[in-house]
N, C-alpha and C. Protein backbone atom coordinates (compact mmCIF):
# COMPACT_ATOMS: atom_id res chain seq x y z
N MET A 1 -29.52 4.82 -19.15
CA MET A 1 -28.19 3.67 -18.26
C MET A 1 -27.10 4.49 -18.31
N MET A 2 -26.49 5.44 -19.54
CA MET A 2 -25.07 6.01 -19.55
C MET A 2 -25.13 7.12 -17.99
N LEU A 3 -26.21 7.51 -17.91
CA LEU A 3 -26.17 8.33 -17.12
C LEU A 3 -26.20 7.48 -15.19
N GLY A 4 -26.79 6.47 -15.57
CA GLY A 4 -26.53 5.40 -14.24
C GLY A 4 -24.81 5.06 -14.11
N ARG A 5 -24.35 4.93 -15.07
CA ARG A 5 -23.17 4.41 -14.85
C ARG A 5 -22.34 5.56 -14.53
N VAL A 6 -22.50 6.71 -15.23
CA VAL A 6 -21.58 8.08 -14.30
C VAL A 6 -22.15 7.90 -13.10
N ILE A 7 -23.22 8.02 -12.57
CA ILE A 7 -23.42 7.74 -11.14
C ILE A 7 -22.65 7.13 -10.07
N CYS A 8 -22.67 5.90 -11.01
CA CYS A 8 -22.17 4.78 -9.89
C CYS A 8 -20.61 5.07 -10.03
N VAL A 9 -19.93 5.56 -11.15
CA VAL A 9 -18.49 6.17 -10.84
C VAL A 9 -18.43 6.95 -10.15
N VAL A 10 -19.27 7.83 -9.84
CA VAL A 10 -19.01 8.94 -9.19
C VAL A 10 -19.18 8.86 -7.70
N LEU A 11 -20.47 7.33 -6.99
CA LEU A 11 -20.01 7.07 -6.08
C LEU A 11 -19.33 6.30 -5.71
N LEU A 12 -18.49 5.60 -6.58
CA LEU A 12 -17.15 4.87 -6.34
C LEU A 12 -16.40 6.09 -6.26
N LEU A 13 -16.28 6.68 -6.56
CA LEU A 13 -15.17 7.67 -6.26
C LEU A 13 -15.12 8.21 -4.61
N LEU A 14 -16.15 8.74 -4.68
CA LEU A 14 -16.77 9.74 -3.11
C LEU A 14 -16.75 8.49 -1.94
N LEU A 15 -17.28 7.42 -2.33
CA LEU A 15 -17.05 6.77 -1.32
C LEU A 15 -16.31 5.53 -1.25
N GLY A 16 -15.96 4.88 -2.49
CA GLY A 16 -14.72 3.83 -2.00
C GLY A 16 -13.16 5.11 -1.80
N GLY A 17 -12.98 5.98 -1.36
CA GLY A 17 -11.61 6.66 -1.76
C GLY A 17 -10.82 6.21 -2.65
N CYS A 18 -9.84 5.79 -2.01
CA CYS A 18 -9.17 5.06 -3.29
C CYS A 18 -8.92 3.48 -3.34
N GLU A 19 -8.50 3.24 -4.02
CA GLU A 19 -8.16 2.13 -3.94
C GLU A 19 -6.72 0.99 -3.41
N TYR A 20 -6.34 2.24 -2.36
CA TYR A 20 -5.30 1.75 -2.05
C TYR A 20 -5.45 1.17 -0.24
N VAL A 21 -6.73 1.55 -0.43
CA VAL A 21 -7.61 1.08 1.37
C VAL A 21 -8.05 -0.09 1.37
N GLN A 22 -8.00 -1.20 1.99
CA GLN A 22 -8.44 -2.66 1.93
C GLN A 22 -9.75 -2.24 2.60
N VAL A 23 -10.17 -1.02 3.24
CA VAL A 23 -11.53 -1.06 4.02
C VAL A 23 -12.79 -0.73 3.19
N GLN A 24 -13.80 -1.39 2.26
CA GLN A 24 -14.79 -1.20 1.33
C GLN A 24 -15.87 -1.97 2.05
N SER A 25 -17.29 -1.27 1.43
CA SER A 25 -18.19 -2.10 1.53
C SER A 25 -18.54 -2.97 0.38
N SER A 26 -19.39 -4.08 1.11
CA SER A 26 -19.61 -5.22 0.09
C SER A 26 -20.42 -4.69 -0.87
N GLN A 27 -21.01 -3.68 -0.73
CA GLN A 27 -21.94 -3.06 -1.87
C GLN A 27 -21.28 -2.32 -2.71
N LEU A 28 -20.33 -1.43 -2.46
CA LEU A 28 -19.85 -0.54 -3.31
C LEU A 28 -18.94 -1.80 -4.13
N MET A 29 -18.03 -3.09 -3.49
CA MET A 29 -17.36 -4.05 -4.38
C MET A 29 -18.42 -4.80 -5.18
N SER A 30 -19.62 -4.96 -5.10
CA SER A 30 -20.54 -5.19 -5.70
C SER A 30 -20.84 -4.69 -6.73
N ILE A 31 -20.97 -3.35 -7.01
CA ILE A 31 -21.48 -2.42 -7.95
C ILE A 31 -20.26 -2.43 -9.01
N LYS A 32 -18.73 -2.27 -8.09
CA LYS A 32 -17.40 -2.21 -9.12
C LYS A 32 -17.25 -3.32 -9.89
N ASN A 33 -17.79 -4.21 -9.46
CA ASN A 33 -17.43 -5.90 -10.04
C ASN A 33 -18.24 -6.01 -10.93
N THR A 34 -19.40 -5.46 -11.25
CA THR A 34 -20.40 -5.75 -11.72
C THR A 34 -20.30 -4.35 -13.33
N LEU A 35 -19.45 -3.28 -12.90
CA LEU A 35 -19.23 -2.36 -13.79
C LEU A 35 -17.84 -2.55 -14.45
N PHE A 36 -16.90 -2.80 -13.50
CA PHE A 36 -15.42 -3.35 -13.60
C PHE A 36 -15.31 -5.07 -14.06
N SER A 37 -14.94 -5.77 -14.51
CA SER A 37 -14.94 -7.17 -14.59
C SER A 37 -13.69 -7.35 -14.55
N HIS A 38 -12.57 -6.76 -14.19
CA HIS A 38 -11.40 -7.12 -14.74
C HIS A 38 -10.56 -7.75 -13.04
N GLN A 39 -10.13 -8.44 -13.33
CA GLN A 39 -9.48 -9.73 -12.25
C GLN A 39 -7.86 -8.21 -11.78
N SER A 40 -7.41 -7.52 -13.22
CA SER A 40 -6.54 -6.77 -12.68
C SER A 40 -6.20 -5.74 -13.58
N LYS A 41 -6.10 -4.41 -13.13
CA LYS A 41 -6.40 -3.39 -13.95
C LYS A 41 -5.40 -2.44 -13.37
N GLU A 42 -5.43 -1.89 -14.04
CA GLU A 42 -4.17 -0.25 -14.31
C GLU A 42 -5.22 0.48 -13.02
N ILE A 43 -4.32 1.24 -12.06
CA ILE A 43 -5.58 2.22 -11.80
C ILE A 43 -4.99 3.33 -12.43
N LEU A 44 -5.84 4.17 -13.54
CA LEU A 44 -5.49 5.33 -14.41
C LEU A 44 -5.02 6.47 -13.60
N ASN A 45 -4.12 7.45 -14.37
CA ASN A 45 -3.87 8.51 -13.75
C ASN A 45 -3.37 8.67 -12.83
N SER A 46 -2.53 7.33 -12.54
CA SER A 46 -2.00 7.14 -10.95
C SER A 46 -0.45 7.21 -10.93
N GLN A 47 0.45 8.20 -10.81
CA GLN A 47 1.77 8.11 -10.80
C GLN A 47 2.31 7.91 -9.63
N TRP A 48 3.19 7.38 -9.06
CA TRP A 48 3.65 6.98 -7.74
C TRP A 48 5.53 6.85 -7.83
N GLN A 49 6.04 7.60 -6.77
CA GLN A 49 7.53 7.52 -7.01
C GLN A 49 7.78 6.75 -5.67
N LEU A 50 8.53 5.21 -5.79
CA LEU A 50 9.47 4.55 -5.14
C LEU A 50 10.55 4.98 -4.51
N GLN A 51 10.69 5.19 -3.13
CA GLN A 51 12.53 5.42 -3.06
C GLN A 51 12.65 4.05 -1.97
N TYR A 52 14.03 4.07 -2.06
CA TYR A 52 14.74 3.04 -0.55
C TYR A 52 16.15 3.35 -0.92
N GLY A 53 16.35 3.86 0.10
CA GLY A 53 17.81 4.49 0.15
C GLY A 53 18.23 5.13 -0.70
N GLY A 54 19.28 5.14 -1.45
CA GLY A 54 19.48 6.08 -2.51
C GLY A 54 18.95 5.51 -4.16
N TYR A 55 17.98 4.41 -3.81
CA TYR A 55 17.27 4.07 -5.41
C TYR A 55 15.99 4.47 -4.99
N SER A 56 15.66 5.49 -6.77
CA SER A 56 14.18 5.61 -6.51
C SER A 56 13.83 5.86 -8.26
N ASN A 57 12.72 5.54 -8.18
CA ASN A 57 11.96 5.02 -9.78
C ASN A 57 10.50 5.11 -9.84
N ASP A 58 9.60 5.39 -10.80
CA ASP A 58 8.46 5.48 -10.69
C ASP A 58 7.46 4.19 -10.81
N VAL A 59 6.55 4.14 -10.28
CA VAL A 59 6.00 2.35 -10.20
C VAL A 59 4.83 2.97 -10.50
N GLN A 60 3.82 1.98 -10.94
CA GLN A 60 2.69 2.01 -11.74
C GLN A 60 1.46 1.26 -10.19
N PRO A 61 0.44 1.58 -9.38
CA PRO A 61 -0.36 0.98 -8.98
C PRO A 61 -0.77 -0.10 -9.86
N VAL A 62 -1.34 -1.06 -9.48
CA VAL A 62 -2.23 -2.26 -10.27
C VAL A 62 -2.88 -2.95 -9.25
N THR A 63 -4.40 -2.72 -8.98
CA THR A 63 -5.39 -4.04 -8.41
C THR A 63 -5.01 -5.45 -8.33
N VAL A 64 -4.75 -6.30 -8.14
CA VAL A 64 -4.99 -7.94 -8.09
C VAL A 64 -5.79 -8.14 -6.39
N GLN A 65 -6.28 -8.57 -7.07
CA GLN A 65 -7.47 -9.02 -6.03
C GLN A 65 -7.74 -7.99 -4.67
N LYS A 66 -7.62 -8.43 -3.83
CA LYS A 66 -7.61 -6.75 -2.54
C LYS A 66 -5.95 -6.70 -2.31
N ASN A 67 -5.08 -6.24 -2.86
CA ASN A 67 -3.94 -5.67 -2.76
C ASN A 67 -3.68 -4.73 -4.06
N THR A 68 -2.83 -3.61 -3.28
CA THR A 68 -2.68 -2.74 -4.99
C THR A 68 -1.04 -3.35 -4.83
N VAL A 69 -1.16 -3.50 -6.17
CA VAL A 69 1.25 -3.93 -6.81
C VAL A 69 1.46 -2.83 -7.15
N PHE A 70 2.41 -2.44 -6.75
CA PHE A 70 3.15 -1.47 -7.24
C PHE A 70 4.27 -1.88 -8.31
N VAL A 71 4.32 -1.52 -9.46
CA VAL A 71 5.05 -2.16 -10.72
C VAL A 71 5.59 -1.07 -11.27
N ASN A 72 7.09 -1.36 -12.23
CA ASN A 72 7.79 -0.84 -13.34
C ASN A 72 8.01 -2.09 -14.10
N LYS A 73 8.69 -1.43 -15.26
CA LYS A 73 9.35 -1.92 -16.21
C LYS A 73 10.92 -2.54 -15.98
N ALA A 74 11.30 -2.02 -14.70
CA ALA A 74 12.29 -2.54 -13.83
C ALA A 74 12.44 -3.57 -13.22
N THR A 75 11.39 -4.22 -13.24
CA THR A 75 10.76 -5.59 -12.09
C THR A 75 10.74 -5.11 -10.97
N ASP A 76 10.37 -3.94 -10.54
CA ASP A 76 10.16 -3.15 -9.31
C ASP A 76 8.64 -4.24 -8.93
N ILE A 77 8.55 -4.50 -7.67
CA ILE A 77 7.08 -5.03 -7.17
C ILE A 77 6.88 -4.99 -5.72
N VAL A 78 6.39 -3.87 -5.61
CA VAL A 78 5.70 -4.13 -3.71
C VAL A 78 4.48 -4.03 -3.90
N THR A 79 3.82 -4.94 -2.94
CA THR A 79 2.65 -5.11 -2.45
C THR A 79 2.00 -4.75 -1.44
N PHE A 80 0.84 -3.84 -1.73
CA PHE A 80 0.33 -3.15 -0.23
C PHE A 80 -1.00 -3.67 -0.32
N ASP A 81 -1.34 -4.01 1.30
CA ASP A 81 -2.58 -4.84 1.14
C ASP A 81 -3.89 -3.82 2.06
N GLY A 82 -3.85 -2.76 1.97
CA GLY A 82 -4.18 -1.50 2.49
C GLY A 82 -3.98 -0.69 3.74
N TRP A 83 -2.86 -1.27 4.61
CA TRP A 83 -2.48 -1.08 5.82
C TRP A 83 -0.76 -1.61 5.71
N LYS A 84 -0.54 -2.57 4.82
CA LYS A 84 1.17 -2.64 5.07
C LYS A 84 1.50 -3.03 3.98
N VAL A 85 3.06 -2.85 4.05
CA VAL A 85 3.56 -3.57 2.86
C VAL A 85 3.98 -4.97 2.77
N THR A 86 3.13 -6.27 2.24
CA THR A 86 3.11 -7.40 2.44
C THR A 86 4.43 -8.31 1.58
N ARG A 87 5.11 -7.32 0.57
CA ARG A 87 6.24 -8.30 -0.14
C ARG A 87 6.97 -7.38 -0.67
N VAL A 88 7.65 -7.37 -1.06
CA VAL A 88 9.13 -6.22 -1.78
C VAL A 88 9.93 -6.88 -2.86
N MET A 89 9.90 -6.88 -3.96
CA MET A 89 10.99 -7.69 -4.81
C MET A 89 11.52 -6.70 -5.97
N GLY A 90 12.44 -6.67 -6.02
CA GLY A 90 13.45 -5.98 -6.93
C GLY A 90 14.05 -4.63 -6.43
N LEU A 91 13.94 -3.19 -6.71
CA LEU A 91 14.89 -2.23 -5.89
C LEU A 91 16.06 -2.70 -5.90
N LYS A 92 16.86 -3.94 -6.73
CA LYS A 92 18.56 -3.80 -6.46
C LYS A 92 18.83 -4.66 -5.24
N SER A 93 17.62 -4.80 -4.46
CA SER A 93 18.30 -5.36 -2.72
C SER A 93 17.24 -6.55 -2.84
N PHE A 94 16.25 -6.79 -3.27
CA PHE A 94 14.96 -7.74 -2.71
C PHE A 94 15.11 -8.77 -3.94
N LEU A 95 16.29 -9.57 -3.80
CA LEU A 95 16.44 -10.75 -4.90
C LEU A 95 16.77 -11.94 -4.07
N PRO A 96 15.98 -13.12 -3.73
CA PRO A 96 14.85 -13.14 -4.00
C PRO A 96 13.75 -12.07 -3.37
N ALA A 97 13.11 -12.13 -3.40
CA ALA A 97 11.35 -11.35 -2.52
C ALA A 97 11.40 -11.80 -1.27
N TRP A 98 11.31 -10.29 -0.24
CA TRP A 98 10.96 -10.81 1.21
C TRP A 98 9.41 -10.41 1.05
N ASP A 99 9.04 -11.13 2.12
CA ASP A 99 7.82 -11.37 2.47
C ASP A 99 7.39 -10.66 3.84
N ILE A 100 6.55 -10.22 4.22
CA ILE A 100 6.28 -9.50 5.26
C ILE A 100 5.29 -9.95 6.25
N GLN A 101 4.87 -10.70 7.61
CA GLN A 101 3.73 -11.23 7.51
C GLN A 101 3.45 -10.57 9.14
N ASP A 102 2.36 -10.63 9.55
CA ASP A 102 1.89 -9.75 10.83
C ASP A 102 1.20 -11.00 11.20
N VAL A 103 1.78 -11.65 12.76
CA VAL A 103 0.89 -12.76 13.67
C VAL A 103 0.86 -11.75 15.06
N GLY A 104 -0.51 -10.97 15.32
CA GLY A 104 -0.51 -10.54 16.25
C GLY A 104 0.50 -9.34 16.38
N HIS A 105 1.01 -8.44 17.43
CA HIS A 105 1.83 -8.03 17.70
C HIS A 105 3.37 -7.81 16.66
N GLU A 106 3.63 -9.02 16.37
CA GLU A 106 4.71 -9.62 15.49
C GLU A 106 4.81 -9.42 14.15
N ARG A 107 5.86 -8.81 13.48
CA ARG A 107 6.00 -8.10 12.07
C ARG A 107 6.93 -9.46 11.19
N ARG A 108 6.67 -10.06 10.95
CA ARG A 108 8.15 -11.18 10.46
C ARG A 108 8.26 -11.47 9.56
N PHE A 109 9.88 -10.61 9.07
CA PHE A 109 10.13 -10.68 7.74
C PHE A 109 10.78 -11.84 7.05
N LEU A 110 10.39 -12.80 6.35
CA LEU A 110 10.66 -13.77 5.79
C LEU A 110 11.31 -13.94 4.26
N VAL A 111 12.25 -14.80 3.92
CA VAL A 111 13.00 -14.67 2.80
C VAL A 111 12.78 -16.19 2.33
N LYS A 112 12.45 -16.36 0.91
CA LYS A 112 12.34 -18.37 0.75
C LYS A 112 11.66 -19.09 1.66
N GLY A 113 10.55 -18.21 2.66
CA GLY A 113 10.05 -18.99 3.35
C GLY A 113 10.95 -19.08 5.04
N GLU A 114 12.19 -18.76 4.99
CA GLU A 114 12.65 -18.55 6.18
C GLU A 114 12.84 -17.39 6.61
N LEU A 115 12.81 -17.22 8.33
CA LEU A 115 12.44 -16.37 8.90
C LEU A 115 13.85 -15.42 9.05
N VAL A 116 14.01 -14.24 8.88
CA VAL A 116 15.18 -13.66 8.58
C VAL A 116 15.23 -12.72 10.10
N ALA A 117 13.61 -11.61 10.18
CA ALA A 117 13.69 -10.99 11.22
C ALA A 117 12.33 -10.83 11.86
N THR A 118 12.39 -10.53 13.14
CA THR A 118 10.55 -10.51 14.13
C THR A 118 10.95 -8.91 14.68
N HIS A 119 10.30 -8.26 14.31
CA HIS A 119 9.88 -6.71 14.77
C HIS A 119 8.47 -6.97 15.65
N TYR A 120 8.41 -6.10 16.27
CA TYR A 120 7.26 -6.00 17.27
C TYR A 120 6.87 -4.23 16.79
N CYS A 121 5.30 -4.80 16.86
CA CYS A 121 4.79 -3.13 16.16
C CYS A 121 3.13 -3.31 16.92
N ASP A 122 2.73 -1.90 17.34
CA ASP A 122 1.66 -1.46 18.13
C ASP A 122 0.44 -1.40 17.37
N ASP A 123 -0.52 -0.75 17.53
CA ASP A 123 -1.93 -0.89 16.70
C ASP A 123 -1.63 0.33 15.82
N TRP A 124 -2.49 0.91 14.88
CA TRP A 124 -2.27 2.31 14.48
C TRP A 124 -2.59 3.12 15.40
N VAL A 125 -2.22 4.29 15.31
CA VAL A 125 -2.35 5.53 15.71
C VAL A 125 -3.07 6.61 14.62
N ARG A 126 -4.18 6.73 14.83
CA ARG A 126 -4.49 7.99 14.07
C ARG A 126 -4.47 9.33 14.48
N ARG A 127 -3.97 10.29 14.00
CA ARG A 127 -3.65 11.94 13.90
C ARG A 127 -4.41 12.81 12.82
N GLU A 128 -5.01 13.33 13.20
CA GLU A 128 -5.92 14.44 12.65
C GLU A 128 -4.55 15.77 12.16
N ILE A 129 -4.29 15.66 11.04
CA ILE A 129 -3.64 16.79 10.33
C ILE A 129 -4.52 17.53 9.42
N VAL A 130 -3.46 18.93 9.24
CA VAL A 130 -4.14 19.87 8.38
C VAL A 130 -4.78 19.42 7.14
N THR A 131 -3.94 18.48 6.58
CA THR A 131 -3.85 17.95 5.01
C THR A 131 -4.85 16.52 4.70
N GLY A 132 -5.28 15.97 6.09
CA GLY A 132 -6.06 15.06 6.56
C GLY A 132 -6.12 13.96 7.61
N VAL A 133 -5.47 12.97 7.32
CA VAL A 133 -5.06 11.72 8.43
C VAL A 133 -3.69 11.51 8.10
N ARG A 134 -2.91 11.14 9.22
CA ARG A 134 -1.93 10.25 9.46
C ARG A 134 -1.86 9.28 10.52
N LEU A 135 -1.71 8.18 9.60
CA LEU A 135 -1.84 6.94 10.46
C LEU A 135 -0.21 6.57 10.94
N GLU A 136 0.15 6.27 12.27
CA GLU A 136 0.87 5.99 12.74
C GLU A 136 1.14 4.79 13.59
N GLN A 137 2.31 3.86 13.08
CA GLN A 137 2.51 2.19 13.54
C GLN A 137 4.04 2.27 14.52
N SER A 138 3.67 2.64 15.50
CA SER A 138 5.04 2.54 16.35
C SER A 138 5.94 0.50 16.43
N CYS A 139 6.91 0.61 15.94
CA CYS A 139 7.65 -0.36 15.83
C CYS A 139 8.80 -0.43 16.46
N ARG A 140 8.98 -1.78 16.89
CA ARG A 140 10.85 -2.11 18.01
C ARG A 140 11.44 -3.57 17.35
N ALA A 141 12.70 -3.26 17.03
CA ALA A 141 13.37 -3.97 16.76
C ALA A 141 14.69 -3.98 17.32
N ASN A 142 16.00 -3.85 16.82
CA ASN A 142 17.51 -3.36 17.29
C ASN A 142 17.13 -2.00 17.73
N GLN A 143 16.46 -1.08 17.07
CA GLN A 143 15.60 0.31 17.11
C GLN A 143 14.32 0.17 16.86
N ASN A 144 14.14 1.74 17.48
CA ASN A 144 12.24 1.98 17.30
C ASN A 144 12.34 2.84 15.94
N TYR A 145 11.00 2.38 15.30
CA TYR A 145 10.97 3.19 14.32
C TYR A 145 9.22 3.54 13.95
N THR A 146 8.90 4.32 12.95
CA THR A 146 7.46 4.53 12.85
C THR A 146 7.24 4.33 11.16
N ASN A 147 5.92 3.42 11.43
CA ASN A 147 5.34 3.40 9.54
C ASN A 147 4.31 4.28 9.84
N ILE A 148 3.87 4.88 8.59
CA ILE A 148 3.16 5.79 8.24
C ILE A 148 2.49 5.99 6.98
N LEU A 149 1.07 6.11 7.42
CA LEU A 149 0.04 6.11 5.74
C LEU A 149 -0.12 7.79 6.10
N LEU A 150 -0.26 8.64 4.84
CA LEU A 150 -0.59 9.73 4.77
C LEU A 150 -1.98 9.86 4.40
N ILE A 151 -3.22 10.43 4.78
CA ILE A 151 -4.28 10.10 3.67
C ILE A 151 -4.72 11.89 3.65
N ASP A 152 -5.28 12.30 2.12
CA ASP A 152 -5.75 13.63 2.35
C ASP A 152 -6.54 13.63 2.43
N ASN A 153 -7.75 15.10 2.31
CA ASN A 153 -8.89 15.06 2.68
C ASN A 153 -10.00 14.04 2.23
N LEU A 154 -9.70 14.09 1.04
CA LEU A 154 -10.64 12.84 0.17
C LEU A 154 -10.74 11.59 0.16
N GLY A 155 -9.97 11.40 1.72
CA GLY A 155 -9.88 9.68 1.79
C GLY A 155 -8.83 8.52 0.98
N MET A 156 -7.84 9.95 0.25
CA MET A 156 -7.13 9.02 -0.67
C MET A 156 -5.80 8.72 -0.11
N ILE A 157 -4.70 7.74 -0.21
CA ILE A 157 -3.62 7.41 0.39
C ILE A 157 -2.92 8.24 -0.68
N GLU A 158 -2.08 8.93 -0.32
CA GLU A 158 -0.72 9.65 -0.79
C GLU A 158 0.95 9.44 -0.47
N SER A 159 0.73 8.72 0.76
CA SER A 159 2.06 8.56 0.68
C SER A 159 2.44 7.51 1.79
N ILE A 160 3.03 5.90 1.26
CA ILE A 160 3.22 5.21 2.53
C ILE A 160 4.62 5.31 2.35
N THR A 161 5.12 5.24 4.14
CA THR A 161 6.29 4.89 4.18
C THR A 161 6.23 3.68 5.48
N GLN A 162 7.21 2.78 5.36
CA GLN A 162 7.00 1.62 5.92
C GLN A 162 8.83 1.17 6.10
N VAL A 163 9.05 0.30 6.68
CA VAL A 163 10.33 -0.51 6.94
C VAL A 163 9.82 -1.90 6.23
N VAL A 164 10.44 -2.67 5.60
CA VAL A 164 10.35 -3.75 4.98
C VAL A 164 11.24 -4.94 5.08
N ASP A 165 12.63 -4.53 5.61
CA ASP A 165 13.55 -5.73 5.90
C ASP A 165 14.16 -5.40 7.33
N SER A 166 15.18 -6.50 7.50
CA SER A 166 15.71 -6.03 8.74
C SER A 166 16.88 -4.60 8.85
N SER A 167 17.14 -4.39 8.09
CA SER A 167 18.00 -3.21 7.99
C SER A 167 17.46 -2.13 8.43
N LEU A 168 15.82 -2.02 8.45
CA LEU A 168 15.16 -0.71 9.27
C LEU A 168 15.46 0.57 8.22
N MET A 169 15.36 0.52 6.97
CA MET A 169 15.67 1.35 6.24
C MET A 169 13.96 1.62 5.69
N PRO A 170 13.51 2.54 6.13
CA PRO A 170 12.28 3.02 5.13
C PRO A 170 12.20 2.72 3.87
N LEU A 171 11.37 1.66 3.48
CA LEU A 171 10.87 2.24 1.97
C LEU A 171 9.62 3.04 1.69
N GLN A 172 9.44 4.15 0.74
CA GLN A 172 8.77 5.21 0.69
C GLN A 172 7.97 5.25 -0.83
N LEU A 173 6.51 5.18 -0.82
CA LEU A 173 5.68 4.94 -1.98
C LEU A 173 5.23 6.42 -1.87
N ARG A 174 5.17 7.39 -2.79
CA ARG A 174 4.36 8.62 -2.83
C ARG A 174 3.71 9.06 -4.04
N LEU A 175 2.41 9.21 -4.11
CA LEU A 175 1.58 9.70 -4.94
C LEU A 175 2.20 10.94 -5.62
N LYS A 176 2.69 11.31 -7.17
CA LYS A 176 3.21 12.11 -7.67
C LYS A 176 2.18 13.13 -8.39
N ASN A 177 1.03 12.62 -8.68
CA ASN A 177 -0.26 13.47 -9.15
C ASN A 177 -1.23 13.87 -8.22
């Protein structure tokens, strides 16, 4: 029985990539839910650094339903759905929280349910690089910018760089280990 669990864990690691990517098979999720029945859990041995403007702090990813939520004791909270940051709170600038919603090619930024800004984003473009894959999304507001996901050769996200508010300043989450 122990060997079966070890094989399942190895399959989860090989087939699941990392938990930061939302695209997962239903069979893999079923195995995962059977072995690990926690609703919310820390992703062990994973330290990330959060940077926004001149602000920098370490965060820990926690899986909540289908999202990865990066949190720390400084009450910084960044929710990532596998493709984009959908909510930012804390960081000395996001009180109250900013919510980000995609509707078609529109990316809408809301504070307390009120629309603050609308940007227009193209589909993600995949580029093969030496260390893995670089996914880029071109967006337009009062100036152009690019959201970026870097994925290593094992299929694990190692960097997330995205604009999360109307200032067009990018937020970056970077895997430290």
